[in-house]
Amino acid sequence: MKEQNDQKLSIRRKRFKEYGARKVTNMLNSLDSLRSFAQKTNYDAKPDELNQIIQALRKKIDEIEKVFKNDKDEKNDFTFK
C-alpha cells in the first residue's frame, strides 16, 4: 500500500514539475508582452492606466498566493476605470 502511495505521489510530483514549469514560462512570456504598453511610440497610455494594469497584476499575484496557502480563489475581473 505504501509503495502504491509513493508511486502516485511520484507521478503527481513529476506532473507538477512538468506542467508547473510550462505554465510559469507561458505566464512570464505573457507578462513580457505587456512591456510594449510602455513604448510611447506604439501606444498612448496614461500613467494612471499603466498603474491600473500593475495594480491588477499585483492583486492577481496576491490571490494566487492565497490559493497556494489554501485560501479562497477569486473571480477574474479587469476593466479600466
C-alpha atoms as a PDB file:
ATOM      1  CA  MET A   1       0.000   0.000   0.000  1.00  0.00           C
ATOM      2  CA  LYS A   2       2.794   2.431   0.900  1.00  0.00           C
ATOM      3  CA  GLU A   3       4.575   1.636  -2.367  1.00  0.00           C
ATOM      4  CA  GLN A   4       1.392   2.425  -4.318  1.00  0.00           C
ATOM      5  CA  ASN A   5       1.017   5.746  -2.494  1.00  0.00           C
ATOM      6  CA  ASP A   6       4.670   6.554  -3.192  1.00  0.00           C
ATOM      7  CA  GLN A   7       4.128   5.864  -6.902  1.00  0.00           C
ATOM      8  CA  LYS A   8       1.069   8.131  -7.005  1.00  0.00           C
ATOM      9  CA  LEU A   9       2.992  10.853  -5.205  1.00  0.00           C
ATOM     10  CA  SER A  10       5.877  10.452  -7.604  1.00  0.00           C
ATOM     11  CA  ILE A  11       3.570  10.751 -10.624  1.00  0.00           C
ATOM     12  CA  ARG A  12       1.860  13.826  -9.166  1.00  0.00           C
ATOM     13  CA  ARG A  13       5.242  15.360  -8.330  1.00  0.00           C
ATOM     14  CA  LYS A  14       6.547  14.745 -11.850  1.00  0.00           C
ATOM     15  CA  ARG A  15       3.351  16.173 -13.362  1.00  0.00           C
ATOM     16  CA  PHE A  16       3.582  19.265 -11.126  1.00  0.00           C
ATOM     17  CA  LYS A  17       7.164  19.949 -12.134  1.00  0.00           C
ATOM     18  CA  GLU A  18       6.441  19.451 -15.835  1.00  0.00           C
ATOM     19  CA  TYR A  19       3.202  21.442 -16.048  1.00  0.00           C
ATOM     20  CA  GLY A  20       4.209  23.996 -13.437  1.00  0.00           C
ATOM     21  CA  ALA A  21       7.364  24.940 -15.318  1.00  0.00           C
ATOM     22  CA  ARG A  22       5.440  25.209 -18.586  1.00  0.00           C
ATOM     23  CA  LYS A  23       2.634  27.307 -17.091  1.00  0.00           C
ATOM     24  CA  VAL A  24       5.027  29.679 -15.325  1.00  0.00           C
ATOM     25  CA  THR A  25       7.072  30.106 -18.515  1.00  0.00           C
ATOM     26  CA  ASN A  26       3.908  30.856 -20.507  1.00  0.00           C
ATOM     27  CA  MET A  27       2.774  33.373 -17.895  1.00  0.00           C
ATOM     28  CA  LEU A  28       6.146  35.106 -17.840  1.00  0.00           C
ATOM     29  CA  ASN A  29       6.031  35.382 -21.632  1.00  0.00           C
ATOM     30  CA  SER A  30       2.521  36.850 -21.423  1.00  0.00           C
ATOM     31  CA  LEU A  31       3.685  39.369 -18.858  1.00  0.00           C
ATOM     32  CA  ASP A  32       6.582  40.314 -21.126  1.00  0.00           C
ATOM     33  CA  SER A  33       4.053  41.205 -23.818  1.00  0.00           C
ATOM     34  CA  LEU A  34       2.702  43.952 -21.530  1.00  0.00           C
ATOM     35  CA  ARG A  35       6.023  45.765 -21.798  1.00  0.00           C
ATOM     36  CA  SER A  36       5.001  47.102 -25.179  1.00  0.00           C
ATOM     37  CA  PHE A  37       2.489  49.395 -23.451  1.00  0.00           C
ATOM     38  CA  ALA A  38       5.444  51.311 -22.016  1.00  0.00           C
ATOM     39  CA  GLN A  39       6.690  52.160 -25.527  1.00  0.00           C
ATOM     40  CA  LYS A  40       5.376  55.624 -26.195  1.00  0.00           C
ATOM     41  CA  THR A  41       5.956  55.214 -29.946  1.00  0.00           C
ATOM     42  CA  ASN A  42       3.380  52.397 -30.079  1.00  0.00           C
ATOM     43  CA  TYR A  43       0.768  53.396 -27.513  1.00  0.00           C
ATOM     44  CA  ASP A  44      -0.676  56.464 -25.862  1.00  0.00           C
ATOM     45  CA  ALA A  45      -1.236  55.065 -22.394  1.00  0.00           C
ATOM     46  CA  LYS A  46      -1.753  57.417 -19.494  1.00  0.00           C
ATOM     47  CA  PRO A  47       0.340  56.801 -16.363  1.00  0.00           C
ATOM     48  CA  ASP A  48      -2.860  56.142 -14.405  1.00  0.00           C
ATOM     49  CA  GLU A  49      -3.857  53.412 -16.861  1.00  0.00           C
ATOM     50  CA  LEU A  50      -0.437  51.780 -16.594  1.00  0.00           C
ATOM     51  CA  ASN A  51      -0.732  51.903 -12.800  1.00  0.00           C
ATOM     52  CA  GLN A  52      -4.136  50.214 -13.047  1.00  0.00           C
ATOM     53  CA  ILE A  53      -2.549  47.370 -15.016  1.00  0.00           C
ATOM     54  CA  ILE A  54       0.179  46.996 -12.398  1.00  0.00           C
ATOM     55  CA  GLN A  55      -2.385  47.049  -9.583  1.00  0.00           C
ATOM     56  CA  ALA A  56      -4.475  44.374 -11.322  1.00  0.00           C
ATOM     57  CA  LEU A  57      -1.400  42.178 -11.742  1.00  0.00           C
ATOM     58  CA  ARG A  58      -0.385  42.624  -8.107  1.00  0.00           C
ATOM     59  CA  LYS A  59      -3.914  41.788  -6.998  1.00  0.00           C
ATOM     60  CA  LYS A  60      -3.870  38.583  -9.043  1.00  0.00           C
ATOM     61  CA  ILE A  61      -0.460  37.590  -7.635  1.00  0.00           C
ATOM     62  CA  ASP A  62      -1.844  38.158  -4.117  1.00  0.00           C
ATOM     63  CA  GLU A  63      -4.870  35.986  -4.946  1.00  0.00           C
ATOM     64  CA  ILE A  64      -2.658  33.212  -6.304  1.00  0.00           C
ATOM     65  CA  GLU A  65      -0.515  33.364  -3.191  1.00  0.00           C
ATOM     66  CA  LYS A  66      -3.636  32.990  -1.029  1.00  0.00           C
ATOM     67  CA  VAL A  67      -4.752  29.967  -3.050  1.00  0.00           C
ATOM     68  CA  PHE A  68      -1.308  28.419  -2.647  1.00  0.00           C
ATOM     69  CA  LYS A  69      -1.796  28.890   1.084  1.00  0.00           C
ATOM     70  CA  ASN A  70      -5.217  27.175   0.837  1.00  0.00           C
ATOM     71  CA  ASP A  71      -7.380  30.274   0.929  1.00  0.00           C
ATOM     72  CA  LYS A  72     -10.365  31.099  -1.294  1.00  0.00           C
ATOM     73  CA  ASP A  73      -9.944  31.696  -5.038  1.00  0.00           C
ATOM     74  CA  GLU A  74     -11.420  34.868  -6.568  1.00  0.00           C
ATOM     75  CA  LYS A  75     -13.001  35.625  -9.950  1.00  0.00           C
ATOM     76  CA  ASN A  76     -11.008  37.212 -12.813  1.00  0.00           C
ATOM     77  CA  ASP A  77     -12.146  40.764 -13.456  1.00  0.00           C
ATOM     78  CA  PHE A  78     -10.347  43.734 -15.002  1.00  0.00           C
ATOM     79  CA  THR A  79     -11.575  46.970 -16.567  1.00  0.00           C
ATOM     80  CA  PHE A  80     -10.034  50.389 -16.870  1.00  0.00           C
ATOM     81  CA  LYS A  81     -11.556  52.944 -14.535  1.00  0.00           C
END
